[in-house]
Amino acid sequence: MGSSIGTNFGGTPYNNVSTGLGKLSELRFSGQNSRIGARIDALVHGMKVLAYGESDFLGTQATNSGVSTHSDSFRMRLYWVDLNNGKWELLGGQSWSMLTPGRKGISPLPSDIFYSQDMDTNYQVGIPWTRAPQFRAVYHASDVVAVGFALETADQYGGGSSGGGAIVLPSLLATPYTNTQIDLGAGTYTPPNLHPDVQAKIAFDPKVNGNLMHIEFGGFFSSFKTFNPVTRRPIRSSGRMAAPHRCMPPPRRTASSTRCTTPCSTPTTVATTSGRT
């Protein structure tokens, strides 16, 4: 794939590409997915405090990192603090997005997140995920129901990262917009954002015939704002998305059963947009 241990789903080389990469194979050894993590649990004035940090070696790579010494760059994956008092839970820091499908409740712990068991660090096509700075509040109405709200850092992204498709800008706006007002894969923190993404989720964890089931519904609200230097007018557009997710445990083995799986439905996304100038 030419993209190390993270599959570049936006740049898969097929057999008909002119470079001929689709007719070649690749076999590499890598230590990039090696992880260093720490978890601290404490009880402070009756409040449960959980601090979690996790890092790997998939940071920005030097151009000669595969030539002599494989000096893979250290990077932050997760770094957050969670406060739990009664039915309320507050989180601040970099965590998996609350919209990433879960396995249990609305939990920030990696073991409770459904991002597959793949070693591929881009996981699977169809799983919505990110790890981003955020503030989150979760209300645990009961052992079965949890409701969460979050503010998560946003990016005015228009595609183009790692070979992915990108929007085509009008010629007069290409220069003032590309990676300055809209991130087309190389903007880093240059493009401004109007406000954090506003997210909401409700999760249910009932027992059905003695088996646990996880069902959740989530959605978010996001906005883009740009300034047109030709007409000298600002442009604002907003979008909303909703997605359900269902996860069930593996069936119990029987005398005639030799394998079991964990069926989890792929989230179904319903999105709407609106804009004004």
Protein backbone atom coordinates (compact mmCIF):
# COMPACT_ATOMS: atom_id res chain seq x y z
CA MET A 1 0.00 0.00 0.00
CA GLY A 2 3.00 2.30 0.38
CA SER A 3 1.60 3.77 3.60
CA SER A 4 3.28 1.84 6.42
CA ILE A 5 1.01 0.06 8.91
CA GLY A 6 -1.87 2.50 8.40
CA THR A 7 -3.66 1.61 5.15
CA ASN A 8 -4.20 4.63 2.93
CA PHE A 9 -7.79 3.97 1.90
CA GLY A 10 -7.76 7.14 -0.20
CA GLY A 11 -4.72 6.13 -2.27
CA THR A 12 -5.06 2.40 -2.97
CA PRO A 13 -2.88 1.56 -6.03
CA TYR A 14 -4.98 -0.43 -8.50
CA ASN A 15 -3.60 -2.44 -11.40
CA ASN A 16 -4.44 0.26 -13.94
CA VAL A 17 -2.39 3.08 -12.37
CA SER A 18 0.40 4.40 -14.56
CA THR A 19 3.06 4.02 -11.85
CA GLY A 20 2.65 0.23 -11.79
CA LEU A 21 2.46 0.14 -7.99
CA GLY A 22 -0.69 -1.96 -8.19
CA LYS A 23 1.38 -4.83 -9.57
CA LEU A 24 3.87 -4.84 -6.69
CA SER A 25 3.72 -6.31 -3.18
CA GLU A 26 5.07 -5.07 0.13
CA LEU A 27 6.35 -6.73 3.32
CA ARG A 28 7.66 -4.62 6.18
CA PHE A 29 8.45 -4.96 9.88
CA SER A 30 7.53 -1.99 12.05
CA GLY A 31 7.62 -0.92 15.66
CA GLN A 32 5.45 2.15 15.07
CA ASN A 33 2.37 0.69 16.73
CA SER A 34 4.25 0.00 19.99
CA ARG A 35 2.49 1.92 22.73
CA ILE A 36 3.34 3.49 26.06
CA GLY A 37 0.45 4.21 28.38
CA ALA A 38 -0.45 4.98 31.97
CA ARG A 39 -3.65 4.98 34.00
CA ILE A 40 -4.13 6.61 37.40
CA ASP A 41 -7.24 6.05 39.55
CA ALA A 42 -7.87 8.11 42.69
CA LEU A 43 -10.66 9.01 45.07
CA VAL A 44 -10.70 12.74 45.92
CA HIS A 45 -13.34 13.98 48.39
CA GLY A 46 -15.68 11.19 47.35
CA MET A 47 -15.16 11.86 43.61
CA LYS A 48 -13.65 9.23 41.35
CA VAL A 49 -10.76 10.65 39.33
CA LEU A 50 -9.34 8.78 36.36
CA ALA A 51 -6.34 10.05 34.39
CA TYR A 52 -5.27 8.26 31.23
CA GLY A 53 -2.45 8.76 28.75
CA GLU A 54 -1.39 6.75 25.71
CA SER A 55 1.26 7.31 23.04
CA ASP A 56 2.77 5.46 20.09
CA PHE A 57 5.47 6.01 17.45
CA LEU A 58 3.32 7.03 14.48
CA GLY A 59 4.17 10.72 14.55
CA THR A 60 5.57 12.76 11.66
CA GLN A 61 8.29 10.75 9.98
CA ALA A 62 11.62 12.03 8.70
CA THR A 63 12.21 11.53 4.98
CA ASN A 64 15.14 9.18 5.67
CA SER A 65 13.48 7.21 8.50
CA GLY A 66 13.55 3.98 6.47
CA VAL A 67 17.11 4.28 5.19
CA SER A 68 19.48 3.58 8.09
CA THR A 69 17.89 4.10 11.50
CA HIS A 70 14.15 3.69 11.94
CA SER A 71 13.71 6.62 14.31
CA ASP A 72 9.93 6.58 14.41
CA SER A 73 8.51 9.73 15.96
CA PHE A 74 6.76 9.67 19.33
CA ARG A 75 3.22 11.10 19.39
CA MET A 76 0.26 11.57 21.70
CA ARG A 77 -2.80 9.39 21.14
CA LEU A 78 -4.84 9.95 24.30
CA TYR A 79 -4.39 12.32 27.25
CA TRP A 80 -7.42 13.07 29.41
CA VAL A 81 -8.81 13.36 32.93
CA ASP A 82 -12.26 12.04 33.86
CA LEU A 83 -14.24 13.07 36.96
CA ASN A 84 -17.12 10.88 38.13
CA ASN A 85 -19.43 11.98 40.92
CA GLY A 86 -22.72 10.13 41.35
CA LYS A 87 -24.59 10.07 38.07
CA TRP A 88 -22.47 12.77 36.43
CA GLU A 89 -19.20 12.30 34.59
CA LEU A 90 -16.99 15.10 33.19
CA LEU A 91 -14.02 14.65 30.86
CA GLY A 92 -11.43 17.04 29.50
CA GLY A 93 -8.47 16.35 27.21
CA GLN A 94 -7.72 14.42 24.04
CA SER A 95 -9.86 11.31 23.74
CA TRP A 96 -11.65 9.21 21.17
CA SER A 97 -14.51 11.21 19.72
CA MET A 98 -17.79 10.58 21.50
CA LEU A 99 -19.22 9.72 18.07
CA THR A 100 -16.84 6.79 17.68
CA PRO A 101 -19.02 3.66 18.12
CA GLY A 102 -18.86 2.19 21.60
CA ARG A 103 -19.15 -1.27 23.13
CA LYS A 104 -20.49 -0.19 26.51
CA GLY A 105 -22.20 2.97 27.68
CA ILE A 106 -20.49 6.26 26.79
CA SER A 107 -16.98 5.53 27.95
CA PRO A 108 -13.61 7.07 26.97
CA LEU A 109 -11.63 3.91 27.81
CA PRO A 110 -10.14 2.22 24.71
CA SER A 111 -11.50 -1.18 25.79
CA ASP A 112 -15.02 0.25 25.60
CA ILE A 113 -14.57 1.77 22.12
CA PHE A 114 -15.53 -0.17 18.98
CA TYR A 115 -12.67 0.51 16.59
CA SER A 116 -12.13 -3.16 15.69
CA GLN A 117 -9.21 -5.38 16.67
CA ASP A 118 -7.26 -4.59 13.49
CA MET A 119 -3.56 -3.82 13.77
CA ASP A 120 -4.09 -1.39 10.89
CA THR A 121 -3.98 2.07 12.50
CA ASN A 122 -6.62 3.36 10.08
CA TYR A 123 -8.85 0.49 11.23
CA GLN A 124 -11.70 -0.17 8.78
CA VAL A 125 -13.61 1.71 6.11
CA GLY A 126 -16.96 2.78 7.51
CA ILE A 127 -15.95 3.35 11.14
CA PRO A 128 -16.25 7.05 12.03
CA TRP A 129 -13.48 7.96 14.45
CA THR A 130 -11.05 10.60 15.54
CA ARG A 131 -8.97 11.39 18.60
CA ALA A 132 -9.33 15.08 19.37
CA PRO A 133 -9.27 17.61 22.24
CA GLN A 134 -12.71 17.91 23.82
CA PHE A 135 -14.88 18.59 26.84
CA ARG A 136 -17.57 16.03 27.61
CA ALA A 137 -20.41 15.67 30.10
CA VAL A 138 -22.22 12.34 30.55
CA TYR A 139 -25.31 11.70 32.67
CA HIS A 140 -25.81 8.09 33.75
CA ALA A 141 -29.57 7.92 34.22
CA SER A 142 -29.30 4.24 35.22
CA ASP A 143 -27.12 1.20 34.63
CA VAL A 144 -28.84 0.86 31.25
CA VAL A 145 -29.11 4.44 29.93
CA ALA A 146 -26.45 7.13 29.49
CA VAL A 147 -26.73 10.53 27.78
CA GLY A 148 -23.71 12.56 26.70
CA PHE A 149 -22.92 16.01 25.32
CA ALA A 150 -19.52 17.13 24.06
CA LEU A 151 -17.66 20.06 22.54
CA GLU A 152 -14.91 18.76 20.25
CA THR A 153 -12.30 20.74 18.37
CA ALA A 154 -13.30 21.24 14.73
CA ASP A 155 -11.44 21.58 11.44
CA GLN A 156 -12.66 23.25 8.26
CA TYR A 157 -11.61 20.21 6.24
CA GLY A 158 -12.33 19.90 2.54
CA GLY A 159 -10.60 16.59 1.81
CA GLY A 160 -7.22 15.92 0.23
CA SER A 161 -5.39 14.29 3.14
CA SER A 162 -3.23 11.23 2.35
CA GLY A 163 -4.41 11.00 -1.24
CA GLY A 164 -8.11 11.36 -0.48
CA GLY A 165 -10.44 13.24 -2.78
CA ALA A 166 -10.84 16.98 -2.24
CA ILE A 167 -13.40 19.60 -3.15
CA VAL A 168 -12.74 21.62 -6.31
CA LEU A 169 -12.65 25.34 -5.57
CA PRO A 170 -13.53 28.06 -8.07
CA SER A 171 -10.39 29.41 -9.72
CA LEU A 172 -10.73 32.86 -8.13
CA LEU A 173 -10.97 31.32 -4.65
CA ALA A 174 -8.38 28.55 -4.98
CA THR A 175 -5.47 30.65 -3.74
CA PRO A 176 -7.13 32.46 -0.80
CA TYR A 177 -8.95 29.31 0.36
CA THR A 178 -6.52 26.41 -0.12
CA ASN A 179 -5.03 25.45 3.26
CA THR A 180 -5.61 28.98 4.56
CA GLN A 181 -9.37 29.17 5.05
CA ILE A 182 -10.12 25.52 4.19
CA ASP A 183 -7.90 22.59 5.13
CA LEU A 184 -7.27 20.58 1.95
CA GLY A 185 -4.90 18.10 3.55
CA ALA A 186 -1.98 20.36 4.44
CA GLY A 187 -3.50 23.17 6.48
CA THR A 188 -2.54 21.87 9.93
CA TYR A 189 -3.85 24.59 12.27
CA THR A 190 -3.87 27.45 9.75
CA PRO A 191 -7.58 27.45 8.71
CA PRO A 192 -9.79 29.06 11.39
CA ASN A 193 -12.89 27.34 12.75
CA LEU A 194 -16.09 29.07 13.80
CA HIS A 195 -16.84 26.93 16.87
CA PRO A 196 -16.20 23.43 18.21
CA ASP A 197 -18.36 20.59 16.94
CA VAL A 198 -21.39 20.12 19.19
CA GLN A 199 -22.09 16.42 19.79
CA ALA A 200 -24.81 14.42 21.52
CA LYS A 201 -25.28 10.72 22.13
CA ILE A 202 -27.64 8.41 24.00
CA ALA A 203 -26.63 4.81 24.74
CA PHE A 204 -28.61 1.82 25.96
CA ASP A 205 -27.11 -1.36 27.47
CA PRO A 206 -30.02 -3.73 28.13
CA LYS A 207 -29.92 -7.47 28.70
CA VAL A 208 -31.79 -9.58 26.14
CA ASN A 209 -32.25 -13.26 26.99
CA GLY A 210 -29.40 -12.96 29.46
CA ASN A 211 -27.05 -11.39 26.89
CA LEU A 212 -25.82 -7.80 26.95
CA MET A 213 -26.73 -5.57 24.02
CA HIS A 214 -25.43 -2.11 23.20
CA ILE A 215 -27.47 0.38 21.16
CA GLU A 216 -26.61 4.02 20.64
CA PHE A 217 -27.76 7.05 18.68
CA GLY A 218 -25.45 9.99 18.09
CA GLY A 219 -25.26 13.20 16.13
CA PHE A 220 -23.36 16.45 15.82
CA PHE A 221 -23.67 20.03 14.59
CA SER A 222 -20.80 21.74 12.77
CA SER A 223 -20.29 25.04 10.94
CA PHE A 224 -17.98 26.42 8.25
CA LYS A 225 -17.28 30.11 7.78
CA THR A 226 -15.16 31.65 5.05
CA PHE A 227 -14.61 35.13 3.66
CA ASN A 228 -14.90 35.73 -0.09
CA PRO A 229 -12.22 38.32 -1.03
CA VAL A 230 -13.87 38.83 -4.43
CA THR A 231 -17.33 39.84 -3.20
CA ARG A 232 -16.01 41.01 0.20
CA ARG A 233 -18.71 38.99 1.96
CA PRO A 234 -18.55 36.20 4.58
CA ILE A 235 -20.11 32.83 3.83
CA ARG A 236 -21.39 30.49 6.53
CA SER A 237 -22.66 26.93 6.18
CA SER A 238 -23.86 24.50 8.85
CA GLY A 239 -24.28 20.74 8.82
CA ARG A 240 -25.95 18.13 11.00
CA MET A 241 -25.41 14.37 11.14
CA ALA A 242 -27.09 11.49 12.96
CA ALA A 243 -26.00 7.84 13.15
CA PRO A 244 -27.25 4.75 15.02
CA HIS A 245 -25.02 1.86 16.11
CA ARG A 246 -25.79 -1.59 17.51
CA CYS A 247 -23.41 -4.11 19.07
CA MET A 248 -24.14 -7.58 20.48
CA PRO A 249 -21.86 -10.09 22.24
CA PRO A 250 -20.72 -13.30 20.55
CA PRO A 251 -23.22 -16.14 20.72
CA ARG A 252 -22.55 -18.89 23.22
CA ARG A 253 -20.72 -21.91 21.88
CA THR A 254 -22.67 -25.10 21.45
CA ALA A 255 -21.67 -28.63 20.55
CA SER A 256 -22.20 -27.81 16.87
CA SER A 257 -20.59 -24.36 17.03
CA THR A 258 -16.89 -24.03 16.26
CA ARG A 259 -16.55 -20.25 15.85
CA CYS A 260 -18.24 -17.14 17.10
CA THR A 261 -18.14 -13.53 16.06
CA THR A 262 -19.16 -10.19 17.45
CA PRO A 263 -21.70 -8.68 15.05
CA CYS A 264 -21.81 -4.88 15.21
CA SER A 265 -23.80 -2.94 12.68
CA THR A 266 -22.02 -0.35 10.57
CA PRO A 267 -23.29 3.09 11.60
CA THR A 268 -25.90 4.49 9.24
CA THR A 269 -25.35 8.20 8.67
CA VAL A 270 -28.03 10.75 7.88
CA ALA A 271 -26.63 14.19 7.12
CA THR A 272 -28.17 17.55 6.24
CA THR A 273 -26.58 20.89 5.47
CA SER A 274 -27.70 24.47 5.27
CA GLY A 275 -25.93 27.68 4.42
CA ARG A 276 -26.29 31.41 4.15
CA THR A 277 -24.26 34.31 2.88
